[in-house]
Amino acid sequence: MKLFSIFLLTLSTFFCSVQAKEPSSDGKHYISWEDVAKNSKDLAEKLKDQGPFEGIVAVARGGYIPAVIVAHELNIKKIVSFSLYSYDDAKKKQGEFDVYSKFEDLEGRWLVIDELVDSGKTLAKIRESLPKSVFAVVYAKPAGTESTDFYAKAVPQDTWVVLPWEN
């Protein structure tokens, strides 16, 4: 786990120097590595008085890098991963959930981190298993804001957000 955290921190530090892409005319909002780092730190600032937490649950895959940044900012050592897939690749819309991780061993109050909340269905599904936990995302669309406790930045509902690791 420690090696994984070091890898993600190194990866995010390296790519934070990459320039942001120009805004797209195709309705997509391209987020730079620098913006992910800044907005993740802004999220950590909002969370600094919300602990203590047992650790962080990073929602796979988009939540990995924000989770590591928040963990460093809040000095949280324990990070676990949760895999939940809710997008239909062929149609690029939310479909049925496939849960690849179980929470039987997680008790107490965790900090759940994801990169984006869209409809809120993913976070609602996770909240069923971790009802005492705090949910935080870096980017929030209006339809999903009720499913998260904290977010760093609002984005329009009809915008497709493209994170730097998705390019």
N, C-alpha and C. Protein backbone atom coordinates (compact mmCIF):
# COMPACT_ATOMS: atom_id res chain seq x y z
N MET A 1 0.84 -1.19 0.00
CA MET A 1 0.00 0.00 0.00
C MET A 1 0.88 1.25 0.00
N LYS A 2 1.96 1.24 0.80
CA LYS A 2 2.83 2.41 0.86
C LYS A 2 3.47 2.67 -0.50
N LEU A 3 3.92 1.62 -1.16
CA LEU A 3 4.52 1.76 -2.48
C LEU A 3 3.51 2.35 -3.47
N PHE A 4 2.26 1.89 -3.40
CA PHE A 4 1.20 2.41 -4.27
C PHE A 4 0.99 3.90 -4.03
N SER A 5 0.97 4.32 -2.77
CA SER A 5 0.80 5.74 -2.43
C SER A 5 1.95 6.57 -2.96
N ILE A 6 3.17 6.07 -2.81
CA ILE A 6 4.35 6.79 -3.31
C ILE A 6 4.27 6.92 -4.83
N PHE A 7 3.85 5.83 -5.50
CA PHE A 7 3.71 5.86 -6.95
C PHE A 7 2.72 6.93 -7.39
N LEU A 8 1.54 6.97 -6.74
CA LEU A 8 0.52 7.95 -7.13
C LEU A 8 0.98 9.37 -6.85
N LEU A 9 1.65 9.59 -5.73
CA LEU A 9 2.14 10.93 -5.43
C LEU A 9 3.17 11.36 -6.46
N THR A 10 4.08 10.47 -6.82
CA THR A 10 5.10 10.77 -7.82
C THR A 10 4.44 11.07 -9.16
N LEU A 11 3.47 10.25 -9.54
CA LEU A 11 2.76 10.45 -10.80
C LEU A 11 2.05 11.80 -10.82
N SER A 12 1.34 12.12 -9.75
CA SER A 12 0.61 13.39 -9.72
C SER A 12 1.55 14.57 -9.69
N THR A 13 2.67 14.47 -8.97
CA THR A 13 3.64 15.55 -8.91
C THR A 13 4.26 15.80 -10.28
N PHE A 14 4.60 14.71 -10.99
CA PHE A 14 5.20 14.83 -12.31
C PHE A 14 4.25 15.52 -13.29
N PHE A 15 3.00 15.08 -13.32
CA PHE A 15 2.07 15.60 -14.30
C PHE A 15 1.50 16.95 -13.94
N CYS A 16 1.67 17.41 -12.72
CA CYS A 16 1.15 18.73 -12.36
C CYS A 16 1.84 19.84 -13.14
N SER A 17 2.99 19.55 -13.73
CA SER A 17 3.70 20.56 -14.49
C SER A 17 3.21 20.65 -15.94
N VAL A 18 2.34 19.73 -16.35
CA VAL A 18 1.81 19.73 -17.71
C VAL A 18 0.83 20.89 -17.88
N GLN A 19 0.92 21.58 -19.00
CA GLN A 19 0.05 22.72 -19.26
C GLN A 19 -1.40 22.28 -19.46
N ALA A 20 -2.33 23.12 -19.05
CA ALA A 20 -3.75 22.85 -19.25
C ALA A 20 -4.07 22.96 -20.74
N LYS A 21 -5.01 22.14 -21.17
CA LYS A 21 -5.44 22.20 -22.56
C LYS A 21 -6.41 23.35 -22.74
N GLU A 22 -6.49 23.83 -23.95
CA GLU A 22 -7.44 24.90 -24.27
C GLU A 22 -8.86 24.37 -24.10
N PRO A 23 -9.80 25.24 -23.72
CA PRO A 23 -11.20 24.80 -23.63
C PRO A 23 -11.67 24.23 -24.96
N SER A 24 -12.48 23.21 -24.89
CA SER A 24 -12.92 22.51 -26.08
C SER A 24 -14.28 23.02 -26.56
N SER A 25 -14.45 23.02 -27.86
CA SER A 25 -15.74 23.43 -28.43
C SER A 25 -16.70 22.25 -28.54
N ASP A 26 -16.27 21.07 -28.12
CA ASP A 26 -17.12 19.88 -28.22
C ASP A 26 -17.96 19.63 -26.97
N GLY A 27 -18.04 20.62 -26.09
CA GLY A 27 -18.83 20.47 -24.88
C GLY A 27 -18.11 19.77 -23.75
N LYS A 28 -16.85 19.44 -23.97
CA LYS A 28 -16.07 18.77 -22.93
C LYS A 28 -15.22 19.78 -22.19
N HIS A 29 -15.04 19.54 -20.91
CA HIS A 29 -14.20 20.41 -20.08
C HIS A 29 -12.96 19.61 -19.70
N TYR A 30 -11.82 20.01 -20.24
CA TYR A 30 -10.57 19.31 -19.98
C TYR A 30 -9.90 19.91 -18.74
N ILE A 31 -9.65 19.08 -17.76
CA ILE A 31 -9.03 19.51 -16.51
C ILE A 31 -7.54 19.21 -16.59
N SER A 32 -6.71 20.14 -16.18
CA SER A 32 -5.26 19.94 -16.20
C SER A 32 -4.81 19.24 -14.92
N TRP A 33 -3.60 18.68 -14.96
CA TRP A 33 -3.01 18.08 -13.77
C TRP A 33 -2.86 19.13 -12.67
N GLU A 34 -2.48 20.32 -13.08
CA GLU A 34 -2.30 21.40 -12.11
C GLU A 34 -3.62 21.72 -11.40
N ASP A 35 -4.72 21.76 -12.16
CA ASP A 35 -6.03 22.03 -11.56
C ASP A 35 -6.47 20.90 -10.64
N VAL A 36 -6.21 19.66 -11.02
CA VAL A 36 -6.56 18.53 -10.14
C VAL A 36 -5.82 18.67 -8.82
N ALA A 37 -4.53 18.98 -8.88
CA ALA A 37 -3.75 19.13 -7.65
C ALA A 37 -4.27 20.29 -6.80
N LYS A 38 -4.50 21.43 -7.42
CA LYS A 38 -4.99 22.60 -6.68
C LYS A 38 -6.36 22.33 -6.07
N ASN A 39 -7.27 21.79 -6.88
CA ASN A 39 -8.63 21.55 -6.39
C ASN A 39 -8.67 20.45 -5.33
N SER A 40 -7.78 19.46 -5.44
CA SER A 40 -7.70 18.42 -4.40
C SER A 40 -7.20 19.02 -3.09
N LYS A 41 -6.26 19.94 -3.17
CA LYS A 41 -5.77 20.62 -1.96
C LYS A 41 -6.86 21.52 -1.38
N ASP A 42 -7.64 22.17 -2.24
CA ASP A 42 -8.77 22.97 -1.76
C ASP A 42 -9.78 22.09 -1.03
N LEU A 43 -10.01 20.89 -1.57
CA LEU A 43 -10.92 19.95 -0.92
C LEU A 43 -10.37 19.55 0.46
N ALA A 44 -9.09 19.28 0.53
CA ALA A 44 -8.46 18.92 1.81
C ALA A 44 -8.63 20.03 2.83
N GLU A 45 -8.52 21.26 2.39
CA GLU A 45 -8.69 22.40 3.30
C GLU A 45 -10.10 22.41 3.90
N LYS A 46 -11.10 22.08 3.09
CA LYS A 46 -12.48 22.02 3.59
C LYS A 46 -12.68 20.87 4.58
N LEU A 47 -11.84 19.85 4.47
CA LEU A 47 -12.00 18.65 5.29
C LEU A 47 -11.15 18.63 6.55
N LYS A 48 -10.27 19.61 6.71
CA LYS A 48 -9.26 19.54 7.77
C LYS A 48 -9.84 19.45 9.18
N ASP A 49 -11.03 19.98 9.41
CA ASP A 49 -11.64 19.94 10.74
C ASP A 49 -12.74 18.88 10.85
N GLN A 50 -12.83 18.00 9.89
CA GLN A 50 -13.91 17.01 9.87
C GLN A 50 -13.53 15.66 10.48
N GLY A 51 -12.26 15.43 10.72
CA GLY A 51 -11.79 14.15 11.25
C GLY A 51 -12.10 13.99 12.72
N PRO A 52 -11.62 12.94 13.33
CA PRO A 52 -10.69 11.97 12.75
C PRO A 52 -11.40 10.93 11.88
N PHE A 53 -10.62 10.33 11.00
CA PHE A 53 -11.10 9.28 10.12
C PHE A 53 -10.28 8.02 10.34
N GLU A 54 -10.89 6.87 10.08
CA GLU A 54 -10.16 5.60 10.13
C GLU A 54 -9.11 5.58 9.02
N GLY A 55 -9.42 6.24 7.92
CA GLY A 55 -8.56 6.29 6.75
C GLY A 55 -9.36 6.83 5.59
N ILE A 56 -8.80 6.70 4.40
CA ILE A 56 -9.46 7.16 3.18
C ILE A 56 -9.85 5.97 2.33
N VAL A 57 -11.05 6.04 1.77
CA VAL A 57 -11.49 5.09 0.75
C VAL A 57 -11.41 5.82 -0.58
N ALA A 58 -10.50 5.39 -1.45
CA ALA A 58 -10.36 5.97 -2.78
C ALA A 58 -11.26 5.20 -3.74
N VAL A 59 -12.17 5.89 -4.38
CA VAL A 59 -13.08 5.24 -5.32
C VAL A 59 -12.32 5.05 -6.63
N ALA A 60 -12.20 3.78 -7.05
CA ALA A 60 -11.45 3.45 -8.26
C ALA A 60 -12.23 3.92 -9.49
N ARG A 61 -11.56 4.38 -10.45
CA ARG A 61 -10.16 4.67 -10.60
C ARG A 61 -9.89 6.16 -10.46
N GLY A 62 -10.89 6.96 -10.74
CA GLY A 62 -10.71 8.40 -10.74
C GLY A 62 -10.36 9.00 -9.40
N GLY A 63 -10.73 8.35 -8.32
CA GLY A 63 -10.48 8.90 -7.00
C GLY A 63 -9.08 8.66 -6.47
N TYR A 64 -8.27 7.86 -7.17
CA TYR A 64 -6.94 7.52 -6.65
C TYR A 64 -6.04 8.74 -6.43
N ILE A 65 -5.84 9.52 -7.45
CA ILE A 65 -4.91 10.65 -7.33
C ILE A 65 -5.43 11.71 -6.37
N PRO A 66 -6.70 12.13 -6.46
CA PRO A 66 -7.19 13.07 -5.44
C PRO A 66 -7.07 12.51 -4.02
N ALA A 67 -7.30 11.21 -3.85
CA ALA A 67 -7.22 10.61 -2.51
C ALA A 67 -5.81 10.70 -1.95
N VAL A 68 -4.81 10.47 -2.77
CA VAL A 68 -3.42 10.55 -2.30
C VAL A 68 -3.07 11.99 -1.94
N ILE A 69 -3.50 12.94 -2.75
CA ILE A 69 -3.22 14.35 -2.45
C ILE A 69 -3.89 14.75 -1.13
N VAL A 70 -5.16 14.39 -0.96
CA VAL A 70 -5.87 14.71 0.28
C VAL A 70 -5.22 14.00 1.46
N ALA A 71 -4.81 12.76 1.28
CA ALA A 71 -4.16 12.02 2.36
C ALA A 71 -2.89 12.72 2.83
N HIS A 72 -2.10 13.21 1.90
CA HIS A 72 -0.88 13.94 2.27
C HIS A 72 -1.21 15.25 2.96
N GLU A 73 -2.20 15.96 2.47
CA GLU A 73 -2.57 17.24 3.07
C GLU A 73 -3.11 17.07 4.49
N LEU A 74 -3.83 15.98 4.73
CA LEU A 74 -4.45 15.76 6.05
C LEU A 74 -3.64 14.80 6.93
N ASN A 75 -2.51 14.34 6.41
CA ASN A 75 -1.64 13.41 7.12
C ASN A 75 -2.39 12.13 7.51
N ILE A 76 -3.14 11.60 6.57
CA ILE A 76 -3.84 10.32 6.75
C ILE A 76 -3.00 9.24 6.09
N LYS A 77 -2.66 8.22 6.85
CA LYS A 77 -1.74 7.19 6.36
C LYS A 77 -2.44 6.03 5.64
N LYS A 78 -3.64 5.69 6.08
CA LYS A 78 -4.31 4.50 5.55
C LYS A 78 -5.22 4.87 4.39
N ILE A 79 -4.98 4.21 3.24
CA ILE A 79 -5.83 4.38 2.06
C ILE A 79 -6.22 2.99 1.57
N VAL A 80 -7.51 2.80 1.37
CA VAL A 80 -8.01 1.57 0.76
C VAL A 80 -8.75 1.96 -0.51
N SER A 81 -8.98 0.97 -1.36
CA SER A 81 -9.63 1.24 -2.64
C SER A 81 -10.96 0.52 -2.72
N PHE A 82 -11.90 1.15 -3.41
CA PHE A 82 -13.20 0.55 -3.67
C PHE A 82 -13.48 0.66 -5.15
N SER A 83 -13.82 -0.46 -5.77
CA SER A 83 -14.12 -0.47 -7.20
C SER A 83 -15.60 -0.67 -7.42
N LEU A 84 -16.19 0.29 -8.09
CA LEU A 84 -17.61 0.25 -8.42
C LEU A 84 -17.73 0.82 -9.82
N TYR A 85 -18.30 0.06 -10.71
CA TYR A 85 -18.38 0.48 -12.10
C TYR A 85 -19.83 0.77 -12.45
N SER A 86 -20.10 1.98 -12.91
CA SER A 86 -21.49 2.32 -13.21
C SER A 86 -21.69 2.96 -14.58
N TYR A 87 -20.69 2.98 -15.42
CA TYR A 87 -20.86 3.56 -16.76
C TYR A 87 -20.85 2.46 -17.80
N ASP A 88 -21.74 2.56 -18.75
CA ASP A 88 -21.83 1.66 -19.88
C ASP A 88 -20.92 2.23 -20.96
N ASP A 89 -19.77 1.58 -21.22
CA ASP A 89 -18.80 2.10 -22.19
C ASP A 89 -19.41 2.38 -23.56
N ALA A 90 -20.28 1.52 -24.01
CA ALA A 90 -20.83 1.68 -25.35
C ALA A 90 -21.68 2.93 -25.46
N LYS A 91 -22.38 3.28 -24.40
CA LYS A 91 -23.31 4.40 -24.46
C LYS A 91 -22.83 5.61 -23.67
N LYS A 92 -21.77 5.46 -22.88
CA LYS A 92 -21.23 6.55 -22.06
C LYS A 92 -22.29 7.15 -21.14
N LYS A 93 -23.10 6.30 -20.57
CA LYS A 93 -24.08 6.77 -19.59
C LYS A 93 -24.07 5.80 -18.42
N GLN A 94 -24.65 6.25 -17.32
CA GLN A 94 -24.64 5.39 -16.16
C GLN A 94 -25.57 4.20 -16.37
N GLY A 95 -25.02 3.02 -16.07
CA GLY A 95 -25.79 1.80 -16.20
C GLY A 95 -25.91 1.09 -14.87
N GLU A 96 -25.95 -0.21 -14.92
CA GLU A 96 -26.04 -1.01 -13.70
C GLU A 96 -24.70 -1.01 -12.98
N PHE A 97 -24.75 -1.23 -11.66
CA PHE A 97 -23.53 -1.24 -10.87
C PHE A 97 -22.92 -2.63 -10.83
N ASP A 98 -21.62 -2.69 -11.00
CA ASP A 98 -20.84 -3.88 -10.73
C ASP A 98 -19.91 -3.52 -9.58
N VAL A 99 -20.05 -4.22 -8.46
CA VAL A 99 -19.24 -3.93 -7.29
C VAL A 99 -18.09 -4.92 -7.25
N TYR A 100 -16.86 -4.41 -7.24
CA TYR A 100 -15.68 -5.26 -7.24
C TYR A 100 -14.98 -5.30 -5.89
N SER A 101 -15.46 -4.56 -4.93
CA SER A 101 -14.85 -4.52 -3.60
C SER A 101 -15.94 -4.67 -2.56
N LYS A 102 -15.54 -5.17 -1.40
CA LYS A 102 -16.49 -5.35 -0.29
C LYS A 102 -15.99 -4.57 0.91
N PHE A 103 -16.92 -4.14 1.74
CA PHE A 103 -16.58 -3.33 2.90
C PHE A 103 -16.76 -4.05 4.23
N GLU A 104 -16.83 -5.38 4.22
CA GLU A 104 -17.10 -6.10 5.46
C GLU A 104 -16.11 -5.75 6.57
N ASP A 105 -14.87 -5.50 6.23
CA ASP A 105 -13.84 -5.24 7.24
C ASP A 105 -13.72 -3.77 7.63
N LEU A 106 -14.43 -2.90 6.97
CA LEU A 106 -14.32 -1.47 7.26
C LEU A 106 -15.40 -1.05 8.26
N GLU A 107 -14.95 -0.60 9.40
CA GLU A 107 -15.86 -0.11 10.41
C GLU A 107 -15.46 1.31 10.77
N GLY A 108 -16.38 2.05 11.32
CA GLY A 108 -16.07 3.40 11.76
C GLY A 108 -16.34 4.43 10.68
N ARG A 109 -15.68 5.55 10.85
CA ARG A 109 -15.90 6.74 10.02
C ARG A 109 -14.72 6.90 9.05
N TRP A 110 -14.97 6.72 7.79
CA TRP A 110 -13.96 6.83 6.75
C TRP A 110 -14.22 8.09 5.93
N LEU A 111 -13.19 8.53 5.23
CA LEU A 111 -13.30 9.63 4.29
C LEU A 111 -13.29 9.02 2.89
N VAL A 112 -14.41 9.12 2.19
CA VAL A 112 -14.55 8.55 0.85
C VAL A 112 -14.26 9.65 -0.16
N ILE A 113 -13.29 9.40 -1.05
CA ILE A 113 -12.86 10.40 -2.03
C ILE A 113 -13.08 9.87 -3.45
N ASP A 114 -13.70 10.70 -4.28
CA ASP A 114 -13.82 10.42 -5.70
C ASP A 114 -13.49 11.71 -6.46
N GLU A 115 -13.24 11.59 -7.75
CA GLU A 115 -12.87 12.78 -8.50
C GLU A 115 -14.08 13.59 -8.93
N LEU A 116 -15.23 12.93 -9.16
CA LEU A 116 -16.39 13.61 -9.73
C LEU A 116 -17.67 12.95 -9.27
N VAL A 117 -18.66 13.76 -8.97
CA VAL A 117 -20.01 13.23 -8.76
C VAL A 117 -20.88 13.80 -9.87
N ASP A 118 -21.60 12.91 -10.55
CA ASP A 118 -22.47 13.30 -11.66
C ASP A 118 -23.92 13.21 -11.20
N SER A 119 -24.47 12.02 -11.19
CA SER A 119 -25.86 11.83 -10.74
C SER A 119 -25.93 11.58 -9.24
N GLY A 120 -24.84 11.11 -8.66
CA GLY A 120 -24.82 10.78 -7.24
C GLY A 120 -25.09 9.32 -6.96
N LYS A 121 -25.39 8.53 -7.98
CA LYS A 121 -25.73 7.12 -7.78
C LYS A 121 -24.56 6.30 -7.24
N THR A 122 -23.36 6.57 -7.72
CA THR A 122 -22.19 5.83 -7.24
C THR A 122 -21.98 6.07 -5.75
N LEU A 123 -21.98 7.33 -5.35
CA LEU A 123 -21.76 7.63 -3.93
C LEU A 123 -22.90 7.10 -3.06
N ALA A 124 -24.12 7.14 -3.56
CA ALA A 124 -25.25 6.61 -2.80
C ALA A 124 -25.09 5.11 -2.57
N LYS A 125 -24.59 4.41 -3.58
CA LYS A 125 -24.36 2.96 -3.45
C LYS A 125 -23.28 2.68 -2.40
N ILE A 126 -22.23 3.47 -2.41
CA ILE A 126 -21.15 3.28 -1.42
C ILE A 126 -21.65 3.65 -0.03
N ARG A 127 -22.45 4.69 0.07
CA ARG A 127 -22.96 5.14 1.37
C ARG A 127 -23.79 4.04 2.05
N GLU A 128 -24.42 3.18 1.27
CA GLU A 128 -25.16 2.05 1.84
C GLU A 128 -24.24 1.18 2.71
N SER A 129 -23.00 1.04 2.29
CA SER A 129 -22.04 0.21 3.02
C SER A 129 -21.27 0.97 4.09
N LEU A 130 -21.15 2.27 3.94
CA LEU A 130 -20.37 3.10 4.87
C LEU A 130 -21.19 4.29 5.35
N PRO A 131 -22.28 4.05 6.07
CA PRO A 131 -23.19 5.15 6.43
C PRO A 131 -22.60 6.20 7.37
N LYS A 132 -21.57 5.87 8.13
CA LYS A 132 -20.98 6.82 9.07
C LYS A 132 -19.91 7.69 8.43
N SER A 133 -19.60 7.42 7.19
CA SER A 133 -18.47 8.05 6.53
C SER A 133 -18.79 9.43 5.98
N VAL A 134 -17.73 10.17 5.66
CA VAL A 134 -17.82 11.49 5.05
C VAL A 134 -17.45 11.32 3.57
N PHE A 135 -18.26 11.90 2.69
CA PHE A 135 -18.07 11.76 1.25
C PHE A 135 -17.63 13.09 0.66
N ALA A 136 -16.53 13.05 -0.11
CA ALA A 136 -15.98 14.27 -0.69
C ALA A 136 -15.51 13.99 -2.12
N VAL A 137 -15.77 14.95 -2.99
CA VAL A 137 -15.33 14.85 -4.38
C VAL A 137 -14.65 16.15 -4.79
N VAL A 138 -13.83 16.05 -5.79
CA VAL A 138 -13.15 17.24 -6.29
C VAL A 138 -14.11 18.06 -7.14
N TYR A 139 -14.83 17.41 -8.06
CA TYR A 139 -15.73 18.11 -8.97
C TYR A 139 -17.15 17.59 -8.79
N ALA A 140 -18.12 18.51 -8.71
CA ALA A 140 -19.51 18.11 -8.48
C ALA A 140 -20.44 18.76 -9.49
N LYS A 141 -21.27 17.93 -10.10
CA LYS A 141 -22.35 18.43 -10.96
C LYS A 141 -23.58 18.62 -10.08
N PRO A 142 -24.47 19.55 -10.45
CA PRO A 142 -25.62 19.87 -9.60
C PRO A 142 -26.47 18.67 -9.18
N ALA A 143 -26.70 17.73 -10.08
CA ALA A 143 -27.55 16.57 -9.75
C ALA A 143 -26.93 15.67 -8.68
N GLY A 144 -25.63 15.78 -8.49
CA GLY A 144 -24.96 14.91 -7.54
C GLY A 144 -24.57 15.54 -6.22
N THR A 145 -24.79 16.84 -6.08
CA THR A 145 -24.29 17.52 -4.88
C THR A 145 -24.94 17.02 -3.59
N GLU A 146 -26.16 16.55 -3.64
CA GLU A 146 -26.80 16.05 -2.43
C GLU A 146 -26.19 14.74 -1.94
N SER A 147 -25.51 14.01 -2.80
CA SER A 147 -24.93 12.73 -2.40
C SER A 147 -23.54 12.87 -1.79
N THR A 148 -22.97 14.06 -1.85
CA THR A 148 -21.65 14.29 -1.29
C THR A 148 -21.74 15.30 -0.15
N ASP A 149 -20.84 15.16 0.80
CA ASP A 149 -20.82 16.09 1.93
C ASP A 149 -19.98 17.32 1.63
N PHE A 150 -18.93 17.14 0.82
CA PHE A 150 -18.02 18.24 0.47
C PHE A 150 -17.58 18.10 -0.97
N TYR A 151 -17.37 19.24 -1.62
CA TYR A 151 -16.75 19.23 -2.94
C TYR A 151 -15.94 20.51 -3.10
N ALA A 152 -14.95 20.43 -4.00
CA ALA A 152 -14.06 21.57 -4.20
C ALA A 152 -14.60 22.53 -5.25
N LYS A 153 -15.16 21.99 -6.33
CA LYS A 153 -15.54 22.86 -7.45
C LYS A 153 -16.79 22.32 -8.14
N ALA A 154 -17.72 23.23 -8.43
CA ALA A 154 -18.93 22.87 -9.17
C ALA A 154 -18.67 22.95 -10.67
N VAL A 155 -19.26 22.02 -11.41
CA VAL A 155 -19.18 22.03 -12.87
C VAL A 155 -20.60 21.88 -13.42
N PRO A 156 -20.87 22.44 -14.61
CA PRO A 156 -22.22 22.35 -15.17
C PRO A 156 -22.65 20.89 -15.42
N GLN A 157 -23.92 20.63 -15.24
CA GLN A 157 -24.45 19.27 -15.39
C GLN A 157 -24.24 18.72 -16.79
N ASP A 158 -24.39 19.55 -17.81
CA ASP A 158 -24.34 19.06 -19.19
C ASP A 158 -22.93 19.02 -19.77
N THR A 159 -21.92 19.19 -18.94
CA THR A 159 -20.53 19.19 -19.41
C THR A 159 -19.89 17.84 -19.14
N TRP A 160 -19.21 17.31 -20.16
CA TRP A 160 -18.45 16.08 -19.98
C TRP A 160 -17.07 16.48 -19.49
N VAL A 161 -16.73 16.07 -18.28
CA VAL A 161 -15.45 16.42 -17.67
C VAL A 161 -14.42 15.36 -18.06
N VAL A 162 -13.28 15.82 -18.58
CA VAL A 162 -12.20 14.92 -18.98
C VAL A 162 -11.01 15.20 -18.08
N LEU A 163 -10.64 14.23 -17.26
CA LEU A 163 -9.51 14.36 -16.36
C LEU A 163 -8.22 14.07 -17.10
N PRO A 164 -7.09 14.57 -16.62
CA PRO A 164 -5.84 14.42 -17.38
C PRO A 164 -5.42 12.97 -17.60
N TRP A 165 -5.77 12.06 -16.70
CA TRP A 165 -5.39 10.66 -16.88
C TRP A 165 -6.31 9.94 -17.86
N GLU A 166 -7.34 10.62 -18.35
CA GLU A 166 -8.26 10.02 -19.32
C GLU A 166 -7.89 10.37 -20.76
N ASN A 167 -6.89 11.18 -20.96
CA ASN A 167 -6.48 11.59 -22.32
C ASN A 167 -5.54 10.59 -22.92
